[in-house]
Amino acid sequence: MSNSKNSTITSYFAPKNVASNKSKTNKSGDENDTSDISTPSQEDQPEKTQNKRRLSSNTSPKPEKRQDTKPNKPSDLPLALSHSSLPKIWLVPASSTSPTLNLTYYTGPIFTAPPRTLLIHACNTHGAWGSGIALAFKQRYPLAYKIYNSFCLVTHSPKSRPVPTGTALLIPPVDGDLGHWIGCLFTSRGFGKARDGGDVIVENTGPAMEMVLEMVRRVGEEGQVIDEVRMCRVNSGKFGVPWERSARTLEGIRVREGWVGSVQVWDPDK
């Protein structure tokens, strides 16, 4: 699986110390001698002083500052594996004799999986699971969604440092006793009308899937078992890419040593 590898300064200028200057002026005379000090009458005051506006007595509270809506990093949840978790060169060259990834097809809901199953779907890099199969994932796995959303918006930023497409995120089981791992393939940067073109999405699907398979191998080496890998017909929903195009790319992946060699494709509509 792919790693997917992340004040206002206020200056205070105090007024000159009038009292200090005054004491310097009287230093040579008697401190109590006020014979040379005259108090100007109101008529002698500058016009600005006489016409100075009184401060408003309005005590209405000041408006509160706008709350920051940026999501907080879910530090209380386990870390997911991302592109940044992998070394710079993580993909071992494949042999021409290596087998290719096998897809087996099933009918029914993908979520009726036993524990220790990995469920894979395609995602955007903006932290949104708002429609289609992604919304179903969000409703069933709210904590996994929180990790994905934070990864896109806090660890990364859609505008300044977006999650690289063609990478993946592997989220460990965090929602109840389901025991389901969640795999996110970042195949499109945007979503809706802002989604990437079909050619770009298909091109991103292969390396993203390879990264997930590598991640599965690595967590297995750490003693965390994933018995089964399921995926929906990625990219064929809201991304609008015919499944056959993504399937050809997936079936062309060369399986490296230690990788899962077969993935189940689940379709609830047949």
C-alpha atoms as a PDB file:
ATOM      1  CA  MET A   1       0.000   0.000   0.000  1.00  0.00           C
ATOM      2  CA  SER A   2       1.244   3.446  -0.577  1.00  0.00           C
ATOM      3  CA  ASN A   3       2.308   5.523   2.054  1.00  0.00           C
ATOM      4  CA  SER A   4       0.951   8.059   1.615  1.00  0.00           C
ATOM      5  CA  LYS A   5       3.249  10.509   3.568  1.00  0.00           C
ATOM      6  CA  ASN A   6       2.956  17.061   7.449  1.00  0.00           C
ATOM      7  CA  SER A   7       0.778  36.753  15.525  1.00  0.00           C
ATOM      8  CA  THR A   8       0.205  39.847  15.690  1.00  0.00           C
ATOM      9  CA  ILE A   9       3.078  41.814  17.175  1.00  0.00           C
ATOM     10  CA  THR A  10       1.784  44.776  19.106  1.00  0.00           C
ATOM     11  CA  SER A  11       4.209  47.604  19.824  1.00  0.00           C
ATOM     12  CA  TYR A  12       3.437  49.649  22.888  1.00  0.00           C
ATOM     13  CA  PHE A  13       4.710  53.223  22.856  1.00  0.00           C
ATOM     14  CA  ALA A  14       4.354  54.723  26.304  1.00  0.00           C
ATOM     15  CA  PRO A  15       3.801  58.523  26.479  1.00  0.00           C
ATOM     16  CA  LYS A  16       6.590  60.617  27.821  1.00  0.00           C
ATOM     17  CA  ASN A  17       6.674  60.724  31.577  1.00  0.00           C
ATOM     18  CA  VAL A  18       5.153  64.086  32.285  1.00  0.00           C
ATOM     19  CA  ALA A  19       5.589  63.726  36.004  1.00  0.00           C
ATOM     20  CA  SER A  20       9.273  62.967  35.569  1.00  0.00           C
ATOM     21  CA  ASN A  21       9.823  66.065  33.402  1.00  0.00           C
ATOM     22  CA  LYS A  22       7.917  68.169  35.873  1.00  0.00           C
ATOM     23  CA  SER A  23      10.100  67.014  38.739  1.00  0.00           C
ATOM     24  CA  LYS A  24      13.179  67.921  36.742  1.00  0.00           C
ATOM     25  CA  THR A  25      11.800  71.428  36.205  1.00  0.00           C
ATOM     26  CA  ASN A  26      11.259  71.955  39.955  1.00  0.00           C
ATOM     27  CA  LYS A  27      14.470  70.302  41.017  1.00  0.00           C
ATOM     28  CA  SER A  28      16.319  73.575  41.613  1.00  0.00           C
ATOM     29  CA  GLY A  29      13.529  75.130  43.734  1.00  0.00           C
ATOM     30  CA  ASP A  30      11.319  74.307  46.654  1.00  0.00           C
ATOM     31  CA  GLU A  31       9.085  71.309  45.932  1.00  0.00           C
ATOM     32  CA  ASN A  32       6.187  73.103  47.666  1.00  0.00           C
ATOM     33  CA  ASP A  33       6.722  76.447  45.932  1.00  0.00           C
ATOM     34  CA  THR A  34       3.904  76.927  43.460  1.00  0.00           C
ATOM     35  CA  SER A  35       4.136  80.668  43.124  1.00  0.00           C
ATOM     36  CA  ASP A  36       5.502  80.467  39.579  1.00  0.00           C
ATOM     37  CA  ILE A  37       2.996  77.900  38.422  1.00  0.00           C
ATOM     38  CA  SER A  38      -0.197  79.290  36.920  1.00  0.00           C
ATOM     39  CA  THR A  39      -3.252  77.201  36.153  1.00  0.00           C
ATOM     40  CA  PRO A  40      -4.813  78.143  32.830  1.00  0.00           C
ATOM     41  CA  SER A  41      -8.495  78.991  32.957  1.00  0.00           C
ATOM     42  CA  GLN A  42     -11.061  77.373  30.715  1.00  0.00           C
ATOM     43  CA  GLU A  43     -10.878  80.404  28.440  1.00  0.00           C
ATOM     44  CA  ASP A  44      -7.153  79.819  27.963  1.00  0.00           C
ATOM     45  CA  GLN A  45      -7.688  76.184  26.950  1.00  0.00           C
ATOM     46  CA  PRO A  46      -7.263  75.410  23.268  1.00  0.00           C
ATOM     47  CA  GLU A  47     -10.478  75.250  21.337  1.00  0.00           C
ATOM     48  CA  LYS A  48      -9.984  71.538  20.662  1.00  0.00           C
ATOM     49  CA  THR A  49     -10.041  70.823  24.393  1.00  0.00           C
ATOM     50  CA  GLN A  50     -13.267  72.746  24.953  1.00  0.00           C
ATOM     51  CA  ASN A  51     -15.011  71.048  22.062  1.00  0.00           C
ATOM     52  CA  LYS A  52     -13.696  67.565  22.780  1.00  0.00           C
ATOM     53  CA  ARG A  53     -16.403  64.949  22.285  1.00  0.00           C
ATOM     54  CA  ARG A  54     -17.423  62.923  25.282  1.00  0.00           C
ATOM     55  CA  LEU A  55     -16.767  59.214  25.109  1.00  0.00           C
ATOM     56  CA  SER A  56     -19.755  57.093  24.238  1.00  0.00           C
ATOM     57  CA  SER A  57     -21.434  55.398  27.145  1.00  0.00           C
ATOM     58  CA  ASN A  58     -22.594  52.544  24.941  1.00  0.00           C
ATOM     59  CA  THR A  59     -21.778  49.329  26.772  1.00  0.00           C
ATOM     60  CA  SER A  60     -22.994  46.889  24.140  1.00  0.00           C
ATOM     61  CA  PRO A  61     -20.605  43.929  23.837  1.00  0.00           C
ATOM     62  CA  LYS A  62     -18.122  43.807  21.006  1.00  0.00           C
ATOM     63  CA  PRO A  63     -18.855  41.222  18.337  1.00  0.00           C
ATOM     64  CA  GLU A  64     -17.015  37.962  18.849  1.00  0.00           C
ATOM     65  CA  LYS A  65     -14.252  36.988  16.481  1.00  0.00           C
ATOM     66  CA  ARG A  66     -15.208  34.533  13.762  1.00  0.00           C
ATOM     67  CA  GLN A  67     -14.558  30.991  14.886  1.00  0.00           C
ATOM     68  CA  ASP A  68     -11.920  29.021  13.072  1.00  0.00           C
ATOM     69  CA  THR A  69     -13.685  26.226  11.200  1.00  0.00           C
ATOM     70  CA  LYS A  70     -10.513  24.424  10.204  1.00  0.00           C
ATOM     71  CA  PRO A  71     -10.712  20.828  11.460  1.00  0.00           C
ATOM     72  CA  ASN A  72      -8.452  19.766  14.269  1.00  0.00           C
ATOM     73  CA  LYS A  73      -5.985  16.984  13.890  1.00  0.00           C
ATOM     74  CA  PRO A  74      -7.473  13.842  15.476  1.00  0.00           C
ATOM     75  CA  SER A  75      -4.503  13.166  17.730  1.00  0.00           C
ATOM     76  CA  ASP A  76      -6.531  10.697  19.798  1.00  0.00           C
ATOM     77  CA  LEU A  77      -6.956   8.349  16.833  1.00  0.00           C
ATOM     78  CA  PRO A  78      -4.363   5.917  15.457  1.00  0.00           C
ATOM     79  CA  LEU A  79      -2.214   7.061  12.590  1.00  0.00           C
ATOM     80  CA  ALA A  80      -2.986   6.005   9.053  1.00  0.00           C
ATOM     81  CA  LEU A  81      -0.366   4.951   6.540  1.00  0.00           C
ATOM     82  CA  SER A  82       0.186   7.385   3.691  1.00  0.00           C
ATOM     83  CA  HIS A  83       2.703   8.203   0.985  1.00  0.00           C
ATOM     84  CA  SER A  84       4.813   9.951   3.614  1.00  0.00           C
ATOM     85  CA  SER A  85       5.026   6.702   5.622  1.00  0.00           C
ATOM     86  CA  LEU A  86       6.926   4.986   2.827  1.00  0.00           C
ATOM     87  CA  PRO A  87      10.557   5.471   1.862  1.00  0.00           C
ATOM     88  CA  LYS A  88      11.277   7.613  -1.164  1.00  0.00           C
ATOM     89  CA  ILE A  89      11.856   4.543  -3.299  1.00  0.00           C
ATOM     90  CA  TRP A  90       9.407   1.912  -2.124  1.00  0.00           C
ATOM     91  CA  LEU A  91       8.211   0.167  -5.282  1.00  0.00           C
ATOM     92  CA  VAL A  92      10.367  -2.805  -6.150  1.00  0.00           C
ATOM     93  CA  PRO A  93      10.724  -3.321  -9.926  1.00  0.00           C
ATOM     94  CA  ALA A  94       8.465  -6.080 -11.141  1.00  0.00           C
ATOM     95  CA  SER A  95       9.625  -9.061 -13.118  1.00  0.00           C
ATOM     96  CA  SER A  96       8.095  -9.695 -16.504  1.00  0.00           C
ATOM     97  CA  THR A  97       7.116 -13.100 -15.179  1.00  0.00           C
ATOM     98  CA  SER A  98       5.337 -11.719 -12.104  1.00  0.00           C
ATOM     99  CA  PRO A  99       1.616 -12.485 -12.044  1.00  0.00           C
ATOM    100  CA  THR A 100      -0.884  -9.678 -12.539  1.00  0.00           C
ATOM    101  CA  LEU A 101      -3.559  -8.683 -10.079  1.00  0.00           C
ATOM    102  CA  ASN A 102      -6.618 -10.904 -10.172  1.00  0.00           C
ATOM    103  CA  LEU A 103     -10.107  -9.396  -9.796  1.00  0.00           C
ATOM    104  CA  THR A 104     -12.994 -11.613  -8.691  1.00  0.00           C
ATOM    105  CA  TYR A 105     -16.562 -10.322  -8.852  1.00  0.00           C
ATOM    106  CA  TYR A 106     -19.303 -10.538  -6.250  1.00  0.00           C
ATOM    107  CA  THR A 107     -22.816  -9.206  -5.934  1.00  0.00           C
ATOM    108  CA  GLY A 108     -24.047  -7.597  -2.735  1.00  0.00           C
ATOM    109  CA  PRO A 109     -23.149  -4.819  -0.295  1.00  0.00           C
ATOM    110  CA  ILE A 110     -19.425  -4.350   0.218  1.00  0.00           C
ATOM    111  CA  PHE A 111     -19.915  -3.520   3.898  1.00  0.00           C
ATOM    112  CA  THR A 112     -21.045  -7.000   4.951  1.00  0.00           C
ATOM    113  CA  ALA A 113     -17.420  -8.002   5.243  1.00  0.00           C
ATOM    114  CA  PRO A 114     -15.955 -10.002   8.121  1.00  0.00           C
ATOM    115  CA  PRO A 115     -13.434  -8.396  10.487  1.00  0.00           C
ATOM    116  CA  ARG A 116      -9.872  -7.898   9.244  1.00  0.00           C
ATOM    117  CA  THR A 117     -11.139  -6.927   5.793  1.00  0.00           C
ATOM    118  CA  LEU A 118      -9.807  -3.982   3.788  1.00  0.00           C
ATOM    119  CA  LEU A 119     -12.453  -1.935   1.956  1.00  0.00           C
ATOM    120  CA  ILE A 120     -11.114   0.232  -0.887  1.00  0.00           C
ATOM    121  CA  HIS A 121     -12.759   3.147  -2.672  1.00  0.00           C
ATOM    122  CA  ALA A 122     -11.650   6.104  -4.793  1.00  0.00           C
ATOM    123  CA  CYS A 123     -11.374   9.531  -3.140  1.00  0.00           C
ATOM    124  CA  ASN A 124     -10.719  13.182  -3.872  1.00  0.00           C
ATOM    125  CA  THR A 125      -7.999  15.194  -2.117  1.00  0.00           C
ATOM    126  CA  HIS A 126     -10.365  17.825  -0.653  1.00  0.00           C
ATOM    127  CA  GLY A 127     -11.465  15.751   2.331  1.00  0.00           C
ATOM    128  CA  ALA A 128     -15.028  15.241   1.067  1.00  0.00           C
ATOM    129  CA  TRP A 129     -17.075  12.063   1.217  1.00  0.00           C
ATOM    130  CA  GLY A 130     -20.304  13.769   0.279  1.00  0.00           C
ATOM    131  CA  SER A 131     -22.124  11.580  -2.212  1.00  0.00           C
ATOM    132  CA  GLY A 132     -22.337   8.151  -3.782  1.00  0.00           C
ATOM    133  CA  ILE A 133     -20.414   5.275  -2.240  1.00  0.00           C
ATOM    134  CA  ALA A 134     -18.171   7.775  -0.404  1.00  0.00           C
ATOM    135  CA  LEU A 135     -21.153   9.060   1.578  1.00  0.00           C
ATOM    136  CA  ALA A 136     -22.010   5.485   2.553  1.00  0.00           C
ATOM    137  CA  PHE A 137     -18.434   5.079   3.834  1.00  0.00           C
ATOM    138  CA  LYS A 138     -18.752   8.326   5.811  1.00  0.00           C
ATOM    139  CA  GLN A 139     -21.998   7.219   7.452  1.00  0.00           C
ATOM    140  CA  ARG A 140     -20.671   3.783   8.420  1.00  0.00           C
ATOM    141  CA  TYR A 141     -17.139   4.818   9.370  1.00  0.00           C
ATOM    142  CA  PRO A 142     -17.295   8.347  10.871  1.00  0.00           C
ATOM    143  CA  LEU A 143     -13.950   8.067  12.669  1.00  0.00           C
ATOM    144  CA  ALA A 144     -12.227   6.805   9.535  1.00  0.00           C
ATOM    145  CA  TYR A 145     -13.724   9.781   7.720  1.00  0.00           C
ATOM    146  CA  LYS A 146     -12.328  12.094  10.390  1.00  0.00           C
ATOM    147  CA  ILE A 147      -8.835  10.706   9.783  1.00  0.00           C
ATOM    148  CA  TYR A 148      -9.195  11.047   6.008  1.00  0.00           C
ATOM    149  CA  ASN A 149     -10.599  14.584   6.279  1.00  0.00           C
ATOM    150  CA  SER A 150      -7.821  15.696   8.629  1.00  0.00           C
ATOM    151  CA  PHE A 151      -5.189  14.185   6.358  1.00  0.00           C
ATOM    152  CA  CYS A 152      -6.514  16.205   3.405  1.00  0.00           C
ATOM    153  CA  LEU A 153      -7.162  19.503   5.221  1.00  0.00           C
ATOM    154  CA  VAL A 154      -4.687  19.611   8.108  1.00  0.00           C
ATOM    155  CA  THR A 155      -1.721  17.432   7.174  1.00  0.00           C
ATOM    156  CA  HIS A 156      -2.164  18.741   3.639  1.00  0.00           C
ATOM    157  CA  SER A 157      -4.069  21.653   2.136  1.00  0.00           C
ATOM    158  CA  PRO A 158      -6.144  21.514  -1.063  1.00  0.00           C
ATOM    159  CA  LYS A 159      -4.837  24.923  -2.178  1.00  0.00           C
ATOM    160  CA  SER A 160      -1.239  25.138  -1.006  1.00  0.00           C
ATOM    161  CA  ARG A 161      -0.037  21.527  -0.573  1.00  0.00           C
ATOM    162  CA  PRO A 162      -2.687  19.062  -1.772  1.00  0.00           C
ATOM    163  CA  VAL A 163      -2.436  15.332  -1.269  1.00  0.00           C
ATOM    164  CA  PRO A 164      -0.576  13.937  -4.295  1.00  0.00           C
ATOM    165  CA  THR A 165      -2.888  12.053  -6.605  1.00  0.00           C
ATOM    166  CA  GLY A 166      -1.844   8.531  -7.493  1.00  0.00           C
ATOM    167  CA  THR A 167      -1.197   7.857  -3.789  1.00  0.00           C
ATOM    168  CA  ALA A 168      -3.239   6.139  -1.101  1.00  0.00           C
ATOM    169  CA  LEU A 169      -4.232   6.266   2.562  1.00  0.00           C
ATOM    170  CA  LEU A 170      -4.624   3.135   4.689  1.00  0.00           C
ATOM    171  CA  ILE A 171      -6.781   3.695   7.784  1.00  0.00           C
ATOM    172  CA  PRO A 172      -6.748   1.017  10.519  1.00  0.00           C
ATOM    173  CA  PRO A 173      -9.987  -0.199  12.136  1.00  0.00           C
ATOM    174  CA  VAL A 174     -11.316   2.640  14.305  1.00  0.00           C
ATOM    175  CA  ASP A 175     -15.114   2.357  14.126  1.00  0.00           C
ATOM    176  CA  GLY A 176     -16.580   0.032  16.730  1.00  0.00           C
ATOM    177  CA  ASP A 177     -16.077  -3.703  16.495  1.00  0.00           C
ATOM    178  CA  LEU A 178     -16.348  -3.928  12.717  1.00  0.00           C
ATOM    179  CA  GLY A 179     -12.634  -4.511  12.310  1.00  0.00           C
ATOM    180  CA  HIS A 180     -12.610  -2.992   8.834  1.00  0.00           C
ATOM    181  CA  TRP A 181      -9.592  -1.285   7.345  1.00  0.00           C
ATOM    182  CA  ILE A 182     -10.356   1.554   4.921  1.00  0.00           C
ATOM    183  CA  GLY A 183      -8.249   2.170   1.817  1.00  0.00           C
ATOM    184  CA  CYS A 184      -8.492   5.519   0.021  1.00  0.00           C
ATOM    185  CA  LEU A 185      -7.222   5.747  -3.559  1.00  0.00           C
ATOM    186  CA  PHE A 186      -6.555   9.384  -4.422  1.00  0.00           C
ATOM    187  CA  THR A 187      -7.487   9.204  -8.089  1.00  0.00           C
ATOM    188  CA  SER A 188      -8.880  12.719  -8.564  1.00  0.00           C
ATOM    189  CA  ARG A 189      -7.843  15.998  -7.016  1.00  0.00           C
ATOM    190  CA  GLY A 190     -11.319  17.549  -7.108  1.00  0.00           C
ATOM    191  CA  PHE A 191     -14.878  16.268  -7.136  1.00  0.00           C
ATOM    192  CA  GLY A 192     -18.162  17.125  -8.832  1.00  0.00           C
ATOM    193  CA  LYS A 193     -17.631  19.475 -11.753  1.00  0.00           C
ATOM    194  CA  ALA A 194     -14.068  20.073 -10.551  1.00  0.00           C
ATOM    195  CA  ARG A 195     -13.068  16.411 -10.810  1.00  0.00           C
ATOM    196  CA  ASP A 196     -10.118  15.447 -12.979  1.00  0.00           C
ATOM    197  CA  GLY A 197     -10.625  14.117 -16.479  1.00  0.00           C
ATOM    198  CA  GLY A 198     -11.187  10.431 -17.078  1.00  0.00           C
ATOM    199  CA  ASP A 199      -7.717   9.835 -18.520  1.00  0.00           C
ATOM    200  CA  VAL A 200      -6.069  11.420 -15.473  1.00  0.00           C
ATOM    201  CA  ILE A 201      -8.234   9.444 -13.046  1.00  0.00           C
ATOM    202  CA  VAL A 202      -7.433   6.134 -14.735  1.00  0.00           C
ATOM    203  CA  GLU A 203      -3.734   7.026 -14.831  1.00  0.00           C
ATOM    204  CA  ASN A 204      -3.794   7.698 -11.060  1.00  0.00           C
ATOM    205  CA  THR A 205      -5.615   4.459 -10.263  1.00  0.00           C
ATOM    206  CA  GLY A 206      -2.720   2.084 -10.971  1.00  0.00           C
ATOM    207  CA  PRO A 207      -0.050   3.672  -8.731  1.00  0.00           C
ATOM    208  CA  ALA A 208      -2.585   4.367  -5.982  1.00  0.00           C
ATOM    209  CA  MET A 209      -3.595   0.699  -5.915  1.00  0.00           C
ATOM    210  CA  GLU A 210       0.038  -0.403  -5.939  1.00  0.00           C
ATOM    211  CA  MET A 211       0.661   1.786  -2.916  1.00  0.00           C
ATOM    212  CA  VAL A 212      -2.247   0.228  -1.019  1.00  0.00           C
ATOM    213  CA  LEU A 213      -0.984  -3.272  -1.759  1.00  0.00           C
ATOM    214  CA  GLU A 214       2.466  -2.323  -0.508  1.00  0.00           C
ATOM    215  CA  MET A 215       0.979  -0.888   2.673  1.00  0.00           C
ATOM    216  CA  VAL A 216      -0.938  -4.108   3.281  1.00  0.00           C
ATOM    217  CA  ARG A 217       2.331  -6.026   2.975  1.00  0.00           C
ATOM    218  CA  ARG A 218       4.043  -3.734   5.481  1.00  0.00           C
ATOM    219  CA  VAL A 219       1.326  -3.897   8.142  1.00  0.00           C
ATOM    220  CA  GLY A 220       1.368  -7.663   7.732  1.00  0.00           C
ATOM    221  CA  GLU A 221       5.066  -7.664   8.575  1.00  0.00           C
ATOM    222  CA  GLU A 222       4.161  -5.814  11.773  1.00  0.00           C
ATOM    223  CA  GLY A 223       1.728  -8.552  12.766  1.00  0.00           C
ATOM    224  CA  GLN A 224      -1.497  -6.812  11.744  1.00  0.00           C
ATOM    225  CA  VAL A 225      -3.473  -9.261   9.671  1.00  0.00           C
ATOM    226  CA  ILE A 226      -5.675  -8.332   6.718  1.00  0.00           C
ATOM    227  CA  ASP A 227      -7.415 -11.486   5.531  1.00  0.00           C
ATOM    228  CA  GLU A 228      -9.500 -10.094   2.704  1.00  0.00           C
ATOM    229  CA  VAL A 229      -9.422  -7.146   0.297  1.00  0.00           C
ATOM    230  CA  ARG A 230     -12.632  -5.771  -1.184  1.00  0.00           C
ATOM    231  CA  MET A 231     -13.227  -2.808  -3.427  1.00  0.00           C
ATOM    232  CA  CYS A 232     -16.183  -1.185  -5.128  1.00  0.00           C
ATOM    233  CA  ARG A 233     -16.117  -0.402  -8.835  1.00  0.00           C
ATOM    234  CA  VAL A 234     -13.833   2.548  -8.238  1.00  0.00           C
ATOM    235  CA  ASN A 235     -14.178   5.719 -10.322  1.00  0.00           C
ATOM    236  CA  SER A 236     -17.406   4.514 -11.961  1.00  0.00           C
ATOM    237  CA  GLY A 237     -19.764   6.480  -9.709  1.00  0.00           C
ATOM    238  CA  LYS A 238     -19.457  10.205  -9.162  1.00  0.00           C
ATOM    239  CA  PHE A 239     -16.117  10.367 -11.000  1.00  0.00           C
ATOM    240  CA  GLY A 240     -17.939   9.195 -14.114  1.00  0.00           C
ATOM    241  CA  VAL A 241     -15.283   6.832 -15.482  1.00  0.00           C
ATOM    242  CA  PRO A 242     -16.536   3.557 -17.008  1.00  0.00           C
ATOM    243  CA  TRP A 243     -15.527   0.654 -14.770  1.00  0.00           C
ATOM    244  CA  GLU A 244     -13.970  -1.255 -17.662  1.00  0.00           C
ATOM    245  CA  ARG A 245     -11.241   1.380 -17.988  1.00  0.00           C
ATOM    246  CA  SER A 246     -10.246   1.176 -14.321  1.00  0.00           C
ATOM    247  CA  ALA A 247     -10.497  -2.631 -14.391  1.00  0.00           C
ATOM    248  CA  ARG A 248      -7.992  -2.895 -17.245  1.00  0.00           C
ATOM    249  CA  THR A 249      -5.543  -0.737 -15.299  1.00  0.00           C
ATOM    250  CA  LEU A 250      -5.954  -2.773 -12.123  1.00  0.00           C
ATOM    251  CA  GLU A 251      -5.580  -6.082 -13.918  1.00  0.00           C
ATOM    252  CA  GLY A 252      -2.350  -4.835 -15.456  1.00  0.00           C
ATOM    253  CA  ILE A 253      -0.657  -4.382 -12.061  1.00  0.00           C
ATOM    254  CA  ARG A 254       2.273  -6.717 -11.521  1.00  0.00           C
ATOM    255  CA  VAL A 255       2.040  -8.351  -8.103  1.00  0.00           C
ATOM    256  CA  ARG A 256       5.257  -7.939  -6.096  1.00  0.00           C
ATOM    257  CA  GLU A 257       6.506 -10.425  -3.549  1.00  0.00           C
ATOM    258  CA  GLY A 258       4.381 -10.357  -0.402  1.00  0.00           C
ATOM    259  CA  TRP A 259       1.465  -8.547  -2.027  1.00  0.00           C
ATOM    260  CA  VAL A 260      -2.123  -9.691  -2.028  1.00  0.00           C
ATOM    261  CA  GLY A 261      -2.674 -11.248  -5.446  1.00  0.00           C
ATOM    262  CA  SER A 262      -6.479 -11.210  -5.620  1.00  0.00           C
ATOM    263  CA  VAL A 263      -9.006  -8.475  -4.887  1.00  0.00           C
ATOM    264  CA  GLN A 264     -12.768  -8.851  -4.637  1.00  0.00           C
ATOM    265  CA  VAL A 265     -14.902  -6.377  -6.588  1.00  0.00           C
ATOM    266  CA  TRP A 266     -18.350  -5.915  -5.088  1.00  0.00           C
ATOM    267  CA  ASP A 267     -21.334  -4.516  -6.960  1.00  0.00           C
ATOM    268  CA  PRO A 268     -24.605  -4.086  -5.030  1.00  0.00           C
ATOM    269  CA  ASP A 269     -26.697  -3.519  -8.154  1.00  0.00           C
ATOM    270  CA  LYS A 270     -26.348  -6.925  -9.807  1.00  0.00           C
END
